[in-house]
Amino acid sequence: MKGIKLAIIAIIILAVMNLVSACGLLLVGGLAGTTGYLAAKQGYKVQSPVTKKK
């Protein structure tokens, strides 16, 4: 009985941690996208990587 309760609690904790980490990734992605949008609106442009010609 005690083992079953412990297993259920462990599953709930793992599920909550998975949801929190997924929300964190979405939050960071949203912040990065918003920052890029606002920077482009102020005139900043994305530059291609620097390459070396032979």
PDB file of N, CA and C in Angstrom:
ATOM      1  N   MET A   1       0.817  -1.192   0.000  1.00  0.00           N
ATOM      2  CA  MET A   1       0.000   0.000   0.000  1.00  0.00           C
ATOM      3  C   MET A   1       0.862   1.258   0.000  1.00  0.00           C
ATOM      4  N   LYS A   2       1.898   1.265   0.856  1.00  0.00           N
ATOM      5  CA  LYS A   2       2.777   2.430   0.938  1.00  0.00           C
ATOM      6  C   LYS A   2       3.583   2.593  -0.351  1.00  0.00           C
ATOM      7  N   GLY A   3       3.968   1.480  -0.972  1.00  0.00           N
ATOM      8  CA  GLY A   3       4.724   1.518  -2.222  1.00  0.00           C
ATOM      9  C   GLY A   3       3.903   2.081  -3.368  1.00  0.00           C
ATOM     10  N   ILE A   4       2.610   1.761  -3.379  1.00  0.00           N
ATOM     11  CA  ILE A   4       1.734   2.262  -4.438  1.00  0.00           C
ATOM     12  C   ILE A   4       1.558   3.775  -4.308  1.00  0.00           C
ATOM     13  N   LYS A   5       1.379   4.265  -3.081  1.00  0.00           N
ATOM     14  CA  LYS A   5       1.239   5.704  -2.869  1.00  0.00           C
ATOM     15  C   LYS A   5       2.510   6.433  -3.283  1.00  0.00           C
ATOM     16  N   LEU A   6       3.662   5.859  -2.956  1.00  0.00           N
ATOM     17  CA  LEU A   6       4.942   6.466  -3.325  1.00  0.00           C
ATOM     18  C   LEU A   6       5.109   6.510  -4.845  1.00  0.00           C
ATOM     19  N   ALA A   7       4.692   5.436  -5.527  1.00  0.00           N
ATOM     20  CA  ALA A   7       4.787   5.396  -6.991  1.00  0.00           C
ATOM     21  C   ALA A   7       3.870   6.440  -7.619  1.00  0.00           C
ATOM     22  N   ILE A   8       2.670   6.587  -7.084  1.00  0.00           N
ATOM     23  CA  ILE A   8       1.728   7.574  -7.627  1.00  0.00           C
ATOM     24  C   ILE A   8       2.270   8.987  -7.427  1.00  0.00           C
ATOM     25  N   ILE A   9       2.823   9.250  -6.256  1.00  0.00           N
ATOM     26  CA  ILE A   9       3.397  10.573  -5.989  1.00  0.00           C
ATOM     27  C   ILE A   9       4.571  10.841  -6.934  1.00  0.00           C
ATOM     28  N   ALA A  10       5.412   9.831  -7.173  1.00  0.00           N
ATOM     29  CA  ALA A  10       6.552   9.994  -8.079  1.00  0.00           C
ATOM     30  C   ALA A  10       6.080  10.288  -9.502  1.00  0.00           C
ATOM     31  N   ILE A  11       5.037   9.606  -9.953  1.00  0.00           N
ATOM     32  CA  ILE A  11       4.504   9.835 -11.303  1.00  0.00           C
ATOM     33  C   ILE A  11       3.942  11.246 -11.420  1.00  0.00           C
ATOM     34  N   ILE A  12       3.231  11.696 -10.387  1.00  0.00           N
ATOM     35  CA  ILE A  12       2.665  13.049 -10.409  1.00  0.00           C
ATOM     36  C   ILE A  12       3.781  14.092 -10.440  1.00  0.00           C
ATOM     37  N   ILE A  13       4.822  13.893  -9.647  1.00  0.00           N
ATOM     38  CA  ILE A  13       5.948  14.837  -9.630  1.00  0.00           C
ATOM     39  C   ILE A  13       6.637  14.880 -10.984  1.00  0.00           C
ATOM     40  N   LEU A  14       6.850  13.728 -11.588  1.00  0.00           N
ATOM     41  CA  LEU A  14       7.488  13.698 -12.916  1.00  0.00           C
ATOM     42  C   LEU A  14       6.616  14.387 -13.970  1.00  0.00           C
ATOM     43  N   ALA A  15       5.311  14.187 -13.904  1.00  0.00           N
ATOM     44  CA  ALA A  15       4.406  14.828 -14.868  1.00  0.00           C
ATOM     45  C   ALA A  15       4.425  16.339 -14.704  1.00  0.00           C
ATOM     46  N   VAL A  16       4.395  16.816 -13.465  1.00  0.00           N
ATOM     47  CA  VAL A  16       4.420  18.254 -13.216  1.00  0.00           C
ATOM     48  C   VAL A  16       5.744  18.856 -13.678  1.00  0.00           C
ATOM     49  N   MET A  17       6.859  18.166 -13.413  1.00  0.00           N
ATOM     50  CA  MET A  17       8.163  18.675 -13.858  1.00  0.00           C
ATOM     51  C   MET A  17       8.224  18.745 -15.373  1.00  0.00           C
ATOM     52  N   ASN A  18       7.651  17.770 -16.058  1.00  0.00           N
ATOM     53  CA  ASN A  18       7.644  17.771 -17.519  1.00  0.00           C
ATOM     54  C   ASN A  18       6.827  18.944 -18.051  1.00  0.00           C
ATOM     55  N   LEU A  19       5.682  19.213 -17.451  1.00  0.00           N
ATOM     56  CA  LEU A  19       4.851  20.332 -17.899  1.00  0.00           C
ATOM     57  C   LEU A  19       5.534  21.673 -17.638  1.00  0.00           C
ATOM     58  N   VAL A  20       6.188  21.798 -16.488  1.00  0.00           N
ATOM     59  CA  VAL A  20       6.858  23.052 -16.152  1.00  0.00           C
ATOM     60  C   VAL A  20       8.025  23.308 -17.100  1.00  0.00           C
ATOM     61  N   SER A  21       8.796  22.278 -17.413  1.00  0.00           N
ATOM     62  CA  SER A  21       9.934  22.474 -18.306  1.00  0.00           C
ATOM     63  C   SER A  21       9.458  22.821 -19.717  1.00  0.00           C
ATOM     64  N   ALA A  22       8.369  22.216 -20.159  1.00  0.00           N
ATOM     65  CA  ALA A  22       7.832  22.528 -21.488  1.00  0.00           C
ATOM     66  C   ALA A  22       7.338  23.969 -21.530  1.00  0.00           C
ATOM     67  N   CYS A  23       6.677  24.406 -20.472  1.00  0.00           N
ATOM     68  CA  CYS A  23       6.206  25.793 -20.419  1.00  0.00           C
ATOM     69  C   CYS A  23       7.382  26.768 -20.388  1.00  0.00           C
ATOM     70  N   GLY A  24       8.442  26.377 -19.703  1.00  0.00           N
ATOM     71  CA  GLY A  24       9.631  27.221 -19.651  1.00  0.00           C
ATOM     72  C   GLY A  24      10.249  27.395 -21.026  1.00  0.00           C
ATOM     73  N   LEU A  25      10.303  26.307 -21.791  1.00  0.00           N
ATOM     74  CA  LEU A  25      10.848  26.399 -23.152  1.00  0.00           C
ATOM     75  C   LEU A  25       9.976  27.277 -24.037  1.00  0.00           C
ATOM     76  N   LEU A  26       8.673  27.153 -23.904  1.00  0.00           N
ATOM     77  CA  LEU A  26       7.776  28.011 -24.686  1.00  0.00           C
ATOM     78  C   LEU A  26       7.933  29.474 -24.296  1.00  0.00           C
ATOM     79  N   LEU A  27       8.111  29.729 -23.015  1.00  0.00           N
ATOM     80  CA  LEU A  27       8.283  31.095 -22.543  1.00  0.00           C
ATOM     81  C   LEU A  27       9.562  31.701 -23.102  1.00  0.00           C
ATOM     82  N   VAL A  28      10.664  30.953 -23.049  1.00  0.00           N
ATOM     83  CA  VAL A  28      11.944  31.452 -23.574  1.00  0.00           C
ATOM     84  C   VAL A  28      11.855  31.677 -25.079  1.00  0.00           C
ATOM     85  N   GLY A  29      11.217  30.774 -25.789  1.00  0.00           N
ATOM     86  CA  GLY A  29      11.047  30.940 -27.233  1.00  0.00           C
ATOM     87  C   GLY A  29      10.209  32.161 -27.573  1.00  0.00           C
ATOM     88  N   GLY A  30       9.166  32.385 -26.800  1.00  0.00           N
ATOM     89  CA  GLY A  30       8.329  33.566 -27.022  1.00  0.00           C
ATOM     90  C   GLY A  30       9.076  34.855 -26.752  1.00  0.00           C
ATOM     91  N   LEU A  31       9.872  34.861 -25.688  1.00  0.00           N
ATOM     92  CA  LEU A  31      10.660  36.056 -25.382  1.00  0.00           C
ATOM     93  C   LEU A  31      11.695  36.338 -26.474  1.00  0.00           C
ATOM     94  N   ALA A  32      12.333  35.295 -26.972  1.00  0.00           N
ATOM     95  CA  ALA A  32      13.328  35.478 -28.032  1.00  0.00           C
ATOM     96  C   ALA A  32      12.672  35.998 -29.308  1.00  0.00           C
ATOM     97  N   GLY A  33      11.516  35.460 -29.649  1.00  0.00           N
ATOM     98  CA  GLY A  33      10.810  35.923 -30.836  1.00  0.00           C
ATOM     99  C   GLY A  33      10.361  37.367 -30.708  1.00  0.00           C
ATOM    100  N   THR A  34       9.863  37.734 -29.548  1.00  0.00           N
ATOM    101  CA  THR A  34       9.428  39.109 -29.319  1.00  0.00           C
ATOM    102  C   THR A  34      10.601  40.070 -29.388  1.00  0.00           C
ATOM    103  N   THR A  35      11.719  39.680 -28.801  1.00  0.00           N
ATOM    104  CA  THR A  35      12.919  40.525 -28.841  1.00  0.00           C
ATOM    105  C   THR A  35      13.395  40.727 -30.273  1.00  0.00           C
ATOM    106  N   GLY A  36      13.407  39.666 -31.062  1.00  0.00           N
ATOM    107  CA  GLY A  36      13.795  39.785 -32.468  1.00  0.00           C
ATOM    108  C   GLY A  36      12.856  40.666 -33.260  1.00  0.00           C
ATOM    109  N   TYR A  37      11.572  40.539 -32.991  1.00  0.00           N
ATOM    110  CA  TYR A  37      10.585  41.373 -33.685  1.00  0.00           C
ATOM    111  C   TYR A  37      10.776  42.850 -33.348  1.00  0.00           C
ATOM    112  N   LEU A  38      10.947  43.140 -32.063  1.00  0.00           N
ATOM    113  CA  LEU A  38      11.123  44.538 -31.652  1.00  0.00           C
ATOM    114  C   LEU A  38      12.434  45.115 -32.183  1.00  0.00           C
ATOM    115  N   ALA A  39      13.487  44.300 -32.239  1.00  0.00           N
ATOM    116  CA  ALA A  39      14.763  44.782 -32.781  1.00  0.00           C
ATOM    117  C   ALA A  39      14.625  45.079 -34.274  1.00  0.00           C
ATOM    118  N   ALA A  40      13.933  44.207 -35.003  1.00  0.00           N
ATOM    119  CA  ALA A  40      13.732  44.449 -36.443  1.00  0.00           C
ATOM    120  C   ALA A  40      12.882  45.689 -36.667  1.00  0.00           C
ATOM    121  N   LYS A  41      11.940  45.923 -35.797  1.00  0.00           N
ATOM    122  CA  LYS A  41      11.077  47.101 -35.917  1.00  0.00           C
ATOM    123  C   LYS A  41      11.877  48.385 -35.718  1.00  0.00           C
ATOM    124  N   GLN A  42      12.952  48.319 -34.935  1.00  0.00           N
ATOM    125  CA  GLN A  42      13.792  49.498 -34.699  1.00  0.00           C
ATOM    126  C   GLN A  42      14.896  49.647 -35.744  1.00  0.00           C
ATOM    127  N   GLY A  43      14.953  48.750 -36.721  1.00  0.00           N
ATOM    128  CA  GLY A  43      15.898  48.911 -37.813  1.00  0.00           C
ATOM    129  C   GLY A  43      17.061  47.938 -37.828  1.00  0.00           C
ATOM    130  N   TYR A  44      17.166  47.072 -36.850  1.00  0.00           N
ATOM    131  CA  TYR A  44      18.256  46.091 -36.850  1.00  0.00           C
ATOM    132  C   TYR A  44      17.963  45.003 -37.875  1.00  0.00           C
ATOM    133  N   LYS A  45      19.020  44.503 -38.523  1.00  0.00           N
ATOM    134  CA  LYS A  45      18.861  43.465 -39.532  1.00  0.00           C
ATOM    135  C   LYS A  45      19.711  42.256 -39.165  1.00  0.00           C
ATOM    136  N   VAL A  46      19.313  41.111 -39.674  1.00  0.00           N
ATOM    137  CA  VAL A  46      20.077  39.884 -39.471  1.00  0.00           C
ATOM    138  C   VAL A  46      21.156  39.825 -40.534  1.00  0.00           C
ATOM    139  N   GLN A  47      22.372  39.555 -40.109  1.00  0.00           N
ATOM    140  CA  GLN A  47      23.497  39.479 -41.042  1.00  0.00           C
ATOM    141  C   GLN A  47      23.874  38.033 -41.272  1.00  0.00           C
ATOM    142  N   SER A  48      24.179  37.700 -42.518  1.00  0.00           N
ATOM    143  CA  SER A  48      24.620  36.341 -42.824  1.00  0.00           C
ATOM    144  C   SER A  48      25.966  36.075 -42.141  1.00  0.00           C
ATOM    145  N   PRO A  49      26.248  34.816 -41.881  1.00  0.00           N
ATOM    146  CA  PRO A  49      27.533  34.500 -41.244  1.00  0.00           C
ATOM    147  C   PRO A  49      28.712  34.923 -42.129  1.00  0.00           C
ATOM    148  N   VAL A  50      29.792  35.250 -41.514  1.00  0.00           N
ATOM    149  CA  VAL A  50      30.997  35.641 -42.254  1.00  0.00           C
ATOM    150  C   VAL A  50      31.639  34.392 -42.840  1.00  0.00           C
ATOM    151  N   THR A  51      31.956  34.431 -44.118  1.00  0.00           N
ATOM    152  CA  THR A  51      32.603  33.292 -44.782  1.00  0.00           C
ATOM    153  C   THR A  51      33.895  33.737 -45.424  1.00  0.00           C
ATOM    154  N   LYS A  52      34.784  32.798 -45.613  1.00  0.00           N
ATOM    155  CA  LYS A  52      36.079  33.103 -46.219  1.00  0.00           C
ATOM    156  C   LYS A  52      36.077  32.561 -47.649  1.00  0.00           C
ATOM    157  N   LYS A  53      36.428  33.442 -48.595  1.00  0.00           N
ATOM    158  CA  LYS A  53      36.533  33.011 -49.985  1.00  0.00           C
ATOM    159  C   LYS A  53      37.960  32.564 -50.244  1.00  0.00           C
ATOM    160  N   LYS A  54      38.104  31.536 -51.044  1.00  0.00           N
ATOM    161  CA  LYS A  54      39.444  31.017 -51.366  1.00  0.00           C
ATOM    162  C   LYS A  54      40.078  31.780 -52.486  1.00  0.00           C
TER     163      LYS A  54
END
